[in-house]
Amino acid sequence: IHIFRCRHIDIHSEASLPVHKDGEARNMEREFS
């Protein structure tokens, strides 16, 4: 378990994964900021 604090984050995944924005399921994405 890793916890960090920041003002901006870029996330890159090797596979497309489900992304939830404010608790609502959205698209399958590999990159997310």
PDB file of all heavy atoms in Angstrom:
ATOM      1  N   ILE A   1       0.879  -1.180   0.000  1.00  0.00           N
ATOM      2  CA  ILE A   1       0.000   0.000   0.000  1.00  0.00           C
ATOM      3  C   ILE A   1       0.909   1.221   0.000  1.00  0.00           C
ATOM      4  O   ILE A   1       1.745   1.398   0.882  1.00  0.00           O
ATOM      5  CB  ILE A   1      -0.910   0.042   1.252  1.00  0.00           C
ATOM      6  CG1 ILE A   1      -1.812  -1.183   1.317  1.00  0.00           C
ATOM      7  CG2 ILE A   1      -1.697   1.350   1.299  1.00  0.00           C
ATOM      8  CD1 ILE A   1      -2.910  -1.212   0.283  1.00  0.00           C
ATOM      9  N   HIS A   2       0.754   2.065  -1.023  1.00  0.00           N
ATOM     10  CA  HIS A   2       1.567   3.276  -1.155  1.00  0.00           C
ATOM     11  C   HIS A   2       0.620   4.466  -1.203  1.00  0.00           C
ATOM     12  O   HIS A   2      -0.331   4.473  -1.993  1.00  0.00           O
ATOM     13  CB  HIS A   2       2.411   3.241  -2.423  1.00  0.00           C
ATOM     14  CG  HIS A   2       3.193   1.975  -2.578  1.00  0.00           C
ATOM     15  ND1 HIS A   2       4.372   1.745  -1.906  1.00  0.00           N
ATOM     16  CD2 HIS A   2       2.943   0.859  -3.305  1.00  0.00           C
ATOM     17  CE1 HIS A   2       4.827   0.549  -2.238  1.00  0.00           C
ATOM     18  NE2 HIS A   2       3.979  -0.009  -3.082  1.00  0.00           N
ATOM     19  N   ILE A   3       0.878   5.464  -0.376  1.00  0.00           N
ATOM     20  CA  ILE A   3       0.052   6.672  -0.366  1.00  0.00           C
ATOM     21  C   ILE A   3       0.953   7.873  -0.619  1.00  0.00           C
ATOM     22  O   ILE A   3       2.010   8.012  -0.001  1.00  0.00           O
ATOM     23  CB  ILE A   3      -0.708   6.824   0.969  1.00  0.00           C
ATOM     24  CG1 ILE A   3      -1.672   5.648   1.142  1.00  0.00           C
ATOM     25  CG2 ILE A   3      -1.465   8.152   1.008  1.00  0.00           C
ATOM     26  CD1 ILE A   3      -2.491   5.673   2.406  1.00  0.00           C
ATOM     27  N   PHE A   4       0.506   8.728  -1.541  1.00  0.00           N
ATOM     28  CA  PHE A   4       1.263   9.920  -1.924  1.00  0.00           C
ATOM     29  C   PHE A   4       0.338  11.129  -1.906  1.00  0.00           C
ATOM     30  O   PHE A   4      -0.882  10.989  -1.919  1.00  0.00           O
ATOM     31  CB  PHE A   4       1.822   9.766  -3.347  1.00  0.00           C
ATOM     32  CG  PHE A   4       2.636   8.527  -3.543  1.00  0.00           C
ATOM     33  CD1 PHE A   4       2.093   7.418  -4.170  1.00  0.00           C
ATOM     34  CD2 PHE A   4       3.944   8.463  -3.100  1.00  0.00           C
ATOM     35  CE1 PHE A   4       2.833   6.265  -4.364  1.00  0.00           C
ATOM     36  CE2 PHE A   4       4.703   7.314  -3.291  1.00  0.00           C
ATOM     37  CZ  PHE A   4       4.142   6.221  -3.921  1.00  0.00           C
ATOM     38  N   ARG A   5       0.949  12.296  -1.952  1.00  0.00           N
ATOM     39  CA  ARG A   5       0.194  13.549  -2.075  1.00  0.00           C
ATOM     40  C   ARG A   5       0.807  14.342  -3.222  1.00  0.00           C
ATOM     41  O   ARG A   5       2.023  14.396  -3.373  1.00  0.00           O
ATOM     42  CB  ARG A   5       0.275  14.347  -0.776  1.00  0.00           C
ATOM     43  CG  ARG A   5      -0.253  13.525   0.392  1.00  0.00           C
ATOM     44  CD  ARG A   5      -0.231  14.291   1.674  1.00  0.00           C
ATOM     45  NE  ARG A   5      -1.463  15.064   1.678  1.00  0.00           N
ATOM     46  CZ  ARG A   5      -1.577  16.262   2.213  1.00  0.00           C
ATOM     47  NH1 ARG A   5      -0.558  16.831   2.792  1.00  0.00           N
ATOM     48  NH2 ARG A   5      -2.726  16.891   2.174  1.00  0.00           N
ATOM     49  N   CYS A   6      -0.054  14.967  -4.011  1.00  0.00           N
ATOM     50  CA  CYS A   6       0.422  15.757  -5.145  1.00  0.00           C
ATOM     51  C   CYS A   6      -0.676  16.724  -5.565  1.00  0.00           C
ATOM     52  O   CYS A   6      -1.793  16.687  -5.049  1.00  0.00           O
ATOM     53  CB  CYS A   6       0.823  14.852  -6.308  1.00  0.00           C
ATOM     54  SG  CYS A   6      -0.530  13.855  -6.973  1.00  0.00           S
ATOM     55  N   ARG A   7      -0.353  17.566  -6.532  1.00  0.00           N
ATOM     56  CA  ARG A   7      -1.351  18.473  -7.113  1.00  0.00           C
ATOM     57  C   ARG A   7      -1.780  18.001  -8.505  1.00  0.00           C
ATOM     58  O   ARG A   7      -2.826  18.362  -8.993  1.00  0.00           O
ATOM     59  CB  ARG A   7      -0.791  19.889  -7.188  1.00  0.00           C
ATOM     60  CG  ARG A   7      -0.510  20.504  -5.835  1.00  0.00           C
ATOM     61  CD  ARG A   7      -0.107  21.969  -5.976  1.00  0.00           C
ATOM     62  NE  ARG A   7       0.527  22.569  -4.842  1.00  0.00           N
ATOM     63  CZ  ARG A   7       0.009  22.773  -3.657  1.00  0.00           C
ATOM     64  NH1 ARG A   7      -1.188  22.365  -3.406  1.00  0.00           N
ATOM     65  NH2 ARG A   7       0.685  23.359  -2.698  1.00  0.00           N
ATOM     66  N   HIS A   8      -0.914  17.197  -9.146  1.00  0.00           N
ATOM     67  CA  HIS A   8      -1.198  16.670 -10.485  1.00  0.00           C
ATOM     68  C   HIS A   8      -0.579  15.281 -10.592  1.00  0.00           C
ATOM     69  O   HIS A   8       0.541  15.071 -10.121  1.00  0.00           O
ATOM     70  CB  HIS A   8      -0.616  17.585 -11.564  1.00  0.00           C
ATOM     71  CG  HIS A   8      -0.800  17.043 -12.947  1.00  0.00           C
ATOM     72  ND1 HIS A   8      -1.939  17.286 -13.680  1.00  0.00           N
ATOM     73  CD2 HIS A   8      -0.010  16.257 -13.718  1.00  0.00           C
ATOM     74  CE1 HIS A   8      -1.819  16.661 -14.849  1.00  0.00           C
ATOM     75  NE2 HIS A   8      -0.664  16.032 -14.891  1.00  0.00           N
ATOM     76  N   ILE A   9      -1.298  14.360 -11.240  1.00  0.00           N
ATOM     77  CA  ILE A   9      -0.770  13.017 -11.434  1.00  0.00           C
ATOM     78  C   ILE A   9      -1.106  12.534 -12.842  1.00  0.00           C
ATOM     79  O   ILE A   9      -2.206  12.785 -13.346  1.00  0.00           O
ATOM     80  CB  ILE A   9      -1.296  12.017 -10.383  1.00  0.00           C
ATOM     81  CG1 ILE A   9      -0.632  10.639 -10.556  1.00  0.00           C
ATOM     82  CG2 ILE A   9      -2.805  11.934 -10.397  1.00  0.00           C
ATOM     83  CD1 ILE A   9      -0.883   9.685  -9.407  1.00  0.00           C
ATOM     84  N   ASP A  10      -0.122  11.884 -13.471  1.00  0.00           N
ATOM     85  CA  ASP A  10      -0.317  11.199 -14.741  1.00  0.00           C
ATOM     86  C   ASP A  10      -0.156   9.710 -14.471  1.00  0.00           C
ATOM     87  O   ASP A  10       0.846   9.298 -13.868  1.00  0.00           O
ATOM     88  CB  ASP A  10       0.721  11.646 -15.778  1.00  0.00           C
ATOM     89  CG  ASP A  10       0.563  13.110 -16.141  1.00  0.00           C
ATOM     90  OD1 ASP A  10      -0.547  13.507 -16.524  1.00  0.00           O
ATOM     91  OD2 ASP A  10       1.569  13.846 -16.026  1.00  0.00           O
ATOM     92  N   ILE A  11      -1.122   8.919 -14.910  1.00  0.00           N
ATOM     93  CA  ILE A  11      -1.108   7.476 -14.701  1.00  0.00           C
ATOM     94  C   ILE A  11      -1.085   6.797 -16.059  1.00  0.00           C
ATOM     95  O   ILE A  11      -1.885   7.137 -16.931  1.00  0.00           O
ATOM     96  CB  ILE A  11      -2.349   7.022 -13.904  1.00  0.00           C
ATOM     97  CG1 ILE A  11      -2.408   7.745 -12.563  1.00  0.00           C
ATOM     98  CG2 ILE A  11      -2.351   5.501 -13.731  1.00  0.00           C
ATOM     99  CD1 ILE A  11      -3.726   7.582 -11.834  1.00  0.00           C
ATOM    100  N   HIS A  12      -0.175   5.850 -16.238  1.00  0.00           N
ATOM    101  CA  HIS A  12      -0.066   5.088 -17.479  1.00  0.00           C
ATOM    102  C   HIS A  12      -0.108   3.605 -17.131  1.00  0.00           C
ATOM    103  O   HIS A  12       0.628   3.147 -16.266  1.00  0.00           O
ATOM    104  CB  HIS A  12       1.234   5.415 -18.218  1.00  0.00           C
ATOM    105  CG  HIS A  12       1.387   6.865 -18.508  1.00  0.00           C
ATOM    106  ND1 HIS A  12       0.812   7.464 -19.598  1.00  0.00           N
ATOM    107  CD2 HIS A  12       2.022   7.847 -17.835  1.00  0.00           C
ATOM    108  CE1 HIS A  12       1.095   8.754 -19.593  1.00  0.00           C
ATOM    109  NE2 HIS A  12       1.824   9.007 -18.526  1.00  0.00           N
ATOM    110  N   SER A  13      -0.956   2.859 -17.826  1.00  0.00           N
ATOM    111  CA  SER A  13      -1.129   1.427 -17.580  1.00  0.00           C
ATOM    112  C   SER A  13      -0.746   0.647 -18.827  1.00  0.00           C
ATOM    113  O   SER A  13      -0.963   1.107 -19.947  1.00  0.00           O
ATOM    114  CB  SER A  13      -2.591   1.146 -17.218  1.00  0.00           C
ATOM    115  OG  SER A  13      -2.842  -0.228 -17.188  1.00  0.00           O
ATOM    116  N   GLU A  14      -0.195  -0.557 -18.634  1.00  0.00           N
ATOM    117  CA  GLU A  14       0.150  -1.394 -19.795  1.00  0.00           C
ATOM    118  C   GLU A  14      -1.096  -1.953 -20.475  1.00  0.00           C
ATOM    119  O   GLU A  14      -1.048  -2.353 -21.622  1.00  0.00           O
ATOM    120  CB  GLU A  14       1.078  -2.533 -19.375  1.00  0.00           C
ATOM    121  CG  GLU A  14       0.399  -3.608 -18.561  1.00  0.00           C
ATOM    122  CD  GLU A  14       1.298  -4.777 -18.238  1.00  0.00           C
ATOM    123  OE1 GLU A  14       2.513  -4.714 -18.488  1.00  0.00           O
ATOM    124  OE2 GLU A  14       0.772  -5.772 -17.727  1.00  0.00           O
ATOM    125  N   ALA A  15      -2.206  -1.993 -19.773  1.00  0.00           N
ATOM    126  CA  ALA A  15      -3.457  -2.523 -20.328  1.00  0.00           C
ATOM    127  C   ALA A  15      -4.566  -1.500 -20.129  1.00  0.00           C
ATOM    128  O   ALA A  15      -4.515  -0.697 -19.198  1.00  0.00           O
ATOM    129  CB  ALA A  15      -3.830  -3.829 -19.632  1.00  0.00           C
ATOM    130  N   SER A  16      -5.555  -1.528 -21.001  1.00  0.00           N
ATOM    131  CA  SER A  16      -6.731  -0.681 -20.812  1.00  0.00           C
ATOM    132  C   SER A  16      -7.532  -1.204 -19.627  1.00  0.00           C
ATOM    133  O   SER A  16      -7.820  -2.392 -19.543  1.00  0.00           O
ATOM    134  CB  SER A  16      -7.602  -0.689 -22.072  1.00  0.00           C
ATOM    135  OG  SER A  16      -6.928  -0.058 -23.131  1.00  0.00           O
ATOM    136  N   LEU A  17      -7.859  -0.292 -18.727  1.00  0.00           N
ATOM    137  CA  LEU A  17      -8.573  -0.660 -17.510  1.00  0.00           C
ATOM    138  C   LEU A  17      -9.779   0.245 -17.321  1.00  0.00           C
ATOM    139  O   LEU A  17      -9.798   1.374 -17.820  1.00  0.00           O
ATOM    140  CB  LEU A  17      -7.646  -0.522 -16.304  1.00  0.00           C
ATOM    141  CG  LEU A  17      -6.418  -1.414 -16.304  1.00  0.00           C
ATOM    142  CD1 LEU A  17      -5.476  -1.008 -15.171  1.00  0.00           C
ATOM    143  CD2 LEU A  17      -6.821  -2.866 -16.168  1.00  0.00           C
ATOM    144  N   PRO A  18     -10.787  -0.222 -16.580  1.00  0.00           N
ATOM    145  CA  PRO A  18     -11.948   0.640 -16.329  1.00  0.00           C
ATOM    146  C   PRO A  18     -11.555   1.808 -15.431  1.00  0.00           C
ATOM    147  O   PRO A  18     -10.819   1.641 -14.456  1.00  0.00           O
ATOM    148  CB  PRO A  18     -12.944  -0.287 -15.629  1.00  0.00           C
ATOM    149  CG  PRO A  18     -12.148  -1.437 -15.118  1.00  0.00           C
ATOM    150  CD  PRO A  18     -10.925  -1.544 -15.973  1.00  0.00           C
ATOM    151  N   VAL A  19     -12.021   2.986 -15.792  1.00  0.00           N
ATOM    152  CA  VAL A  19     -11.747   4.197 -15.020  1.00  0.00           C
ATOM    153  C   VAL A  19     -13.071   4.699 -14.470  1.00  0.00           C
ATOM    154  O   VAL A  19     -14.061   4.806 -15.197  1.00  0.00           O
ATOM    155  CB  VAL A  19     -11.076   5.277 -15.903  1.00  0.00           C
ATOM    156  CG1 VAL A  19     -10.949   6.587 -15.153  1.00  0.00           C
ATOM    157  CG2 VAL A  19      -9.714   4.793 -16.382  1.00  0.00           C
ATOM    158  N   HIS A  20     -13.069   5.006 -13.178  1.00  0.00           N
ATOM    159  CA  HIS A  20     -14.243   5.579 -12.526  1.00  0.00           C
ATOM    160  C   HIS A  20     -13.911   7.018 -12.183  1.00  0.00           C
ATOM    161  O   HIS A  20     -12.890   7.292 -11.577  1.00  0.00           O
ATOM    162  CB  HIS A  20     -14.582   4.808 -11.245  1.00  0.00           C
ATOM    163  CG  HIS A  20     -15.011   3.414 -11.514  1.00  0.00           C
ATOM    164  ND1 HIS A  20     -16.296   2.998 -11.332  1.00  0.00           N
ATOM    165  CD2 HIS A  20     -14.335   2.338 -11.966  1.00  0.00           C
ATOM    166  CE1 HIS A  20     -16.392   1.722 -11.652  1.00  0.00           C
ATOM    167  NE2 HIS A  20     -15.203   1.300 -12.044  1.00  0.00           N
ATOM    168  N   LYS A  21     -14.787   7.922 -12.602  1.00  0.00           N
ATOM    169  CA  LYS A  21     -14.594   9.342 -12.318  1.00  0.00           C
ATOM    170  C   LYS A  21     -15.723   9.786 -11.409  1.00  0.00           C
ATOM    171  O   LYS A  21     -16.885   9.727 -11.782  1.00  0.00           O
ATOM    172  CB  LYS A  21     -14.588  10.148 -13.616  1.00  0.00           C
ATOM    173  CG  LYS A  21     -13.445   9.764 -14.526  1.00  0.00           C
ATOM    174  CD  LYS A  21     -13.514  10.483 -15.847  1.00  0.00           C
ATOM    175  CE  LYS A  21     -12.397  10.000 -16.751  1.00  0.00           C
ATOM    176  NZ  LYS A  21     -12.479  10.574 -18.085  1.00  0.00           N
ATOM    177  N   ASP A  22     -15.347  10.174 -10.210  1.00  0.00           N
ATOM    178  CA  ASP A  22     -16.308  10.580  -9.194  1.00  0.00           C
ATOM    179  C   ASP A  22     -17.349   9.487  -8.957  1.00  0.00           C
ATOM    180  O   ASP A  22     -18.534   9.741  -8.818  1.00  0.00           O
ATOM    181  CB  ASP A  22     -16.970  11.906  -9.575  1.00  0.00           C
ATOM    182  CG  ASP A  22     -17.659  12.562  -8.385  1.00  0.00           C
ATOM    183  OD1 ASP A  22     -17.307  12.241  -7.239  1.00  0.00           O
ATOM    184  OD2 ASP A  22     -18.558  13.378  -8.603  1.00  0.00           O
ATOM    185  N   GLY A  23     -16.869   8.238  -8.954  1.00  0.00           N
ATOM    186  CA  GLY A  23     -17.737   7.106  -8.658  1.00  0.00           C
ATOM    187  C   GLY A  23     -18.538   6.577  -9.829  1.00  0.00           C
ATOM    188  O   GLY A  23     -19.224   5.566  -9.710  1.00  0.00           O
ATOM    189  N   GLU A  24     -18.459   7.238 -10.964  1.00  0.00           N
ATOM    190  CA  GLU A  24     -19.212   6.808 -12.143  1.00  0.00           C
ATOM    191  C   GLU A  24     -18.281   6.091 -13.103  1.00  0.00           C
ATOM    192  O   GLU A  24     -17.211   6.594 -13.429  1.00  0.00           O
ATOM    193  CB  GLU A  24     -19.849   8.009 -12.850  1.00  0.00           C
ATOM    194  CG  GLU A  24     -20.846   8.775 -11.995  1.00  0.00           C
ATOM    195  CD  GLU A  24     -22.044   7.932 -11.611  1.00  0.00           C
ATOM    196  OE1 GLU A  24     -22.516   7.131 -12.445  1.00  0.00           O
ATOM    197  OE2 GLU A  24     -22.496   8.053 -10.458  1.00  0.00           O
ATOM    198  N   ALA A  25     -18.685   4.898 -13.538  1.00  0.00           N
ATOM    199  CA  ALA A  25     -17.885   4.144 -14.499  1.00  0.00           C
ATOM    200  C   ALA A  25     -17.840   4.899 -15.821  1.00  0.00           C
ATOM    201  O   ALA A  25     -18.854   5.377 -16.303  1.00  0.00           O
ATOM    202  CB  ALA A  25     -18.466   2.751 -14.691  1.00  0.00           C
ATOM    203  N   ARG A  26     -16.673   5.005 -16.369  1.00  0.00           N
ATOM    204  CA  ARG A  26     -16.484   5.679 -17.662  1.00  0.00           C
ATOM    205  C   ARG A  26     -15.912   4.682 -18.656  1.00  0.00           C
ATOM    206  O   ARG A  26     -16.320   3.560 -18.717  1.00  0.00           O
ATOM    207  CB  ARG A  26     -15.563   6.897 -17.496  1.00  0.00           C
ATOM    208  CG  ARG A  26     -16.125   7.954 -16.589  1.00  0.00           C
ATOM    209  CD  ARG A  26     -17.326   8.614 -17.204  1.00  0.00           C
ATOM    210  NE  ARG A  26     -17.804   9.647 -16.278  1.00  0.00           N
ATOM    211  CZ  ARG A  26     -19.027  10.084 -16.265  1.00  0.00           C
ATOM    212  NH1 ARG A  26     -19.899   9.626 -17.100  1.00  0.00           N
ATOM    213  NH2 ARG A  26     -19.390  11.001 -15.405  1.00  0.00           N
ATOM    214  N   ASN A  27     -14.900   5.076 -19.362  1.00  0.00           N
ATOM    215  CA  ASN A  27     -14.314   4.272 -20.426  1.00  0.00           C
ATOM    216  C   ASN A  27     -13.201   3.370 -19.920  1.00  0.00           C
ATOM    217  O   ASN A  27     -12.736   3.481 -18.800  1.00  0.00           O
ATOM    218  CB  ASN A  27     -13.731   5.201 -21.500  1.00  0.00           C
ATOM    219  CG  ASN A  27     -14.778   6.120 -22.080  1.00  0.00           C
ATOM    220  OD1 ASN A  27     -15.937   5.767 -22.175  1.00  0.00           O
ATOM    221  ND2 ASN A  27     -14.353   7.314 -22.464  1.00  0.00           N
ATOM    222  N   MET A  28     -12.763   2.496 -20.821  1.00  0.00           N
ATOM    223  CA  MET A  28     -11.532   1.730 -20.616  1.00  0.00           C
ATOM    224  C   MET A  28     -10.398   2.630 -21.112  1.00  0.00           C
ATOM    225  O   MET A  28     -10.451   3.127 -22.232  1.00  0.00           O
ATOM    226  CB  MET A  28     -11.575   0.437 -21.415  1.00  0.00           C
ATOM    227  CG  MET A  28     -12.722  -0.485 -21.062  1.00  0.00           C
ATOM    228  SD  MET A  28     -12.528  -1.245 -19.462  1.00  0.00           S
ATOM    229  CE  MET A  28     -11.299  -2.479 -19.820  1.00  0.00           C
ATOM    230  N   GLU A  29      -9.411   2.863 -20.263  1.00  0.00           N
ATOM    231  CA  GLU A  29      -8.331   3.778 -20.624  1.00  0.00           C
ATOM    232  C   GLU A  29      -6.982   3.219 -20.191  1.00  0.00           C
ATOM    233  O   GLU A  29      -6.895   2.450 -19.245  1.00  0.00           O
ATOM    234  CB  GLU A  29      -8.563   5.145 -19.967  1.00  0.00           C
ATOM    235  CG  GLU A  29      -9.844   5.810 -20.436  1.00  0.00           C
ATOM    236  CD  GLU A  29     -10.062   7.178 -19.821  1.00  0.00           C
ATOM    237  OE1 GLU A  29      -9.073   7.847 -19.459  1.00  0.00           O
ATOM    238  OE2 GLU A  29     -11.228   7.582 -19.701  1.00  0.00           O
ATOM    239  N   ARG A  30      -5.938   3.657 -20.908  1.00  0.00           N
ATOM    240  CA  ARG A  30      -4.557   3.303 -20.540  1.00  0.00           C
ATOM    241  C   ARG A  30      -3.835   4.493 -19.921  1.00  0.00           C
ATOM    242  O   ARG A  30      -2.850   4.321 -19.220  1.00  0.00           O
ATOM    243  CB  ARG A  30      -3.785   2.829 -21.764  1.00  0.00           C
ATOM    244  CG  ARG A  30      -4.290   1.488 -22.279  1.00  0.00           C
ATOM    245  CD  ARG A  30      -3.502   1.019 -23.443  1.00  0.00           C
ATOM    246  NE  ARG A  30      -2.137   0.725 -22.967  1.00  0.00           N
ATOM    247  CZ  ARG A  30      -1.163   0.356 -23.749  1.00  0.00           C
ATOM    248  NH1 ARG A  30      -1.356   0.224 -25.035  1.00  0.00           N
ATOM    249  NH2 ARG A  30       0.023   0.096 -23.260  1.00  0.00           N
ATOM    250  N   GLU A  31      -4.300   5.695 -20.226  1.00  0.00           N
ATOM    251  CA  GLU A  31      -3.676   6.906 -19.690  1.00  0.00           C
ATOM    252  C   GLU A  31      -4.748   7.764 -19.052  1.00  0.00           C
ATOM    253  O   GLU A  31      -5.865   7.878 -19.561  1.00  0.00           O
ATOM    254  CB  GLU A  31      -2.972   7.677 -20.793  1.00  0.00           C
ATOM    255  CG  GLU A  31      -1.826   6.904 -21.398  1.00  0.00           C
ATOM    256  CD  GLU A  31      -1.030   7.723 -22.401  1.00  0.00           C
ATOM    257  OE1 GLU A  31      -1.296   8.935 -22.540  1.00  0.00           O
ATOM    258  OE2 GLU A  31      -0.140   7.148 -23.029  1.00  0.00           O
ATOM    259  N   PHE A  32      -4.357   8.375 -17.933  1.00  0.00           N
ATOM    260  CA  PHE A  32      -5.333   9.145 -17.169  1.00  0.00           C
ATOM    261  C   PHE A  32      -4.586  10.201 -16.367  1.00  0.00           C
ATOM    262  O   PHE A  32      -3.516   9.927 -15.816  1.00  0.00           O
ATOM    263  CB  PHE A  32      -6.069   8.185 -16.223  1.00  0.00           C
ATOM    264  CG  PHE A  32      -7.232   8.788 -15.514  1.00  0.00           C
ATOM    265  CD1 PHE A  32      -8.388   9.097 -16.195  1.00  0.00           C
ATOM    266  CD2 PHE A  32      -7.178   9.026 -14.153  1.00  0.00           C
ATOM    267  CE1 PHE A  32      -9.470   9.642 -15.534  1.00  0.00           C
ATOM    268  CE2 PHE A  32      -8.251   9.573 -13.488  1.00  0.00           C
ATOM    269  CZ  PHE A  32      -9.401   9.882 -14.177  1.00  0.00           C
ATOM    270  N   SER A  33      -5.100  11.411 -16.324  1.00  0.00           N
ATOM    271  CA  SER A  33      -4.480  12.493 -15.548  1.00  0.00           C
ATOM    272  C   SER A  33      -5.520  13.139 -14.650  1.00  0.00           C
ATOM    273  O   SER A  33      -6.694  13.237 -15.021  1.00  0.00           O
ATOM    274  CB  SER A  33      -3.904  13.564 -16.482  1.00  0.00           C
ATOM    275  OG  SER A  33      -2.866  13.032 -17.267  1.00  0.00           O
TER     276      SER A  33
END
